[in-house]
Amino acid sequence: MLLGVAAYCETQMVVGYGDILKRLEVVTTYLLVG
């Protein structure tokens, strides 16, 4: 049970990190173009 929760949290963290990177990329592109 605990392993499942830990794996779920880790997956959510990785997904969240990827989302943050995508947002940073969009913001950086917007600033460079703008």
C-alpha atoms as a PDB file:
ATOM      1  CA  MET A   1       0.000   0.000   0.000  1.00  0.00           C
ATOM      2  CA  LEU A   2       2.697   2.483   1.021  1.00  0.00           C
ATOM      3  CA  LEU A   3       4.785   1.598  -2.033  1.00  0.00           C
ATOM      4  CA  GLY A   4       1.797   2.314  -4.267  1.00  0.00           C
ATOM      5  CA  VAL A   5       1.285   5.709  -2.633  1.00  0.00           C
ATOM      6  CA  ALA A   6       4.988   6.549  -2.934  1.00  0.00           C
ATOM      7  CA  ALA A   7       5.035   5.538  -6.607  1.00  0.00           C
ATOM      8  CA  TYR A   8       1.910   7.634  -7.254  1.00  0.00           C
ATOM      9  CA  CYS A   9       3.439  10.687  -5.547  1.00  0.00           C
ATOM     10  CA  GLU A  10       6.673  10.246  -7.481  1.00  0.00           C
ATOM     11  CA  THR A  11       4.765  10.012 -10.768  1.00  0.00           C
ATOM     12  CA  GLN A  12       2.774  13.148  -9.939  1.00  0.00           C
ATOM     13  CA  MET A  13       6.008  14.994  -9.135  1.00  0.00           C
ATOM     14  CA  VAL A  14       7.590  13.973 -12.450  1.00  0.00           C
ATOM     15  CA  VAL A  15       4.463  14.990 -14.375  1.00  0.00           C
ATOM     16  CA  GLY A  16       4.325  18.310 -12.519  1.00  0.00           C
ATOM     17  CA  TYR A  17       8.027  18.933 -13.219  1.00  0.00           C
ATOM     18  CA  GLY A  18       7.489  18.293 -16.939  1.00  0.00           C
ATOM     19  CA  ASP A  19       4.534  20.684 -16.916  1.00  0.00           C
ATOM     20  CA  ILE A  20       6.687  23.377 -15.293  1.00  0.00           C
ATOM     21  CA  LEU A  21       9.404  22.887 -17.928  1.00  0.00           C
ATOM     22  CA  LYS A  22       6.821  23.240 -20.712  1.00  0.00           C
ATOM     23  CA  ARG A  23       5.503  26.462 -19.184  1.00  0.00           C
ATOM     24  CA  LEU A  24       9.022  27.856 -18.820  1.00  0.00           C
ATOM     25  CA  GLU A  25       9.703  26.994 -22.459  1.00  0.00           C
ATOM     26  CA  VAL A  26       6.533  28.793 -23.572  1.00  0.00           C
ATOM     27  CA  VAL A  27       7.328  31.849 -21.438  1.00  0.00           C
ATOM     28  CA  THR A  28      10.927  31.963 -22.690  1.00  0.00           C
ATOM     29  CA  THR A  29       9.806  31.705 -26.318  1.00  0.00           C
ATOM     30  CA  TYR A  30       7.193  34.424 -25.746  1.00  0.00           C
ATOM     31  CA  LEU A  31       9.786  36.750 -24.201  1.00  0.00           C
ATOM     32  CA  LEU A  32      12.315  36.120 -26.990  1.00  0.00           C
ATOM     33  CA  VAL A  33       9.737  36.668 -29.740  1.00  0.00           C
ATOM     34  CA  GLY A  34       8.066  39.594 -27.984  1.00  0.00           C
END
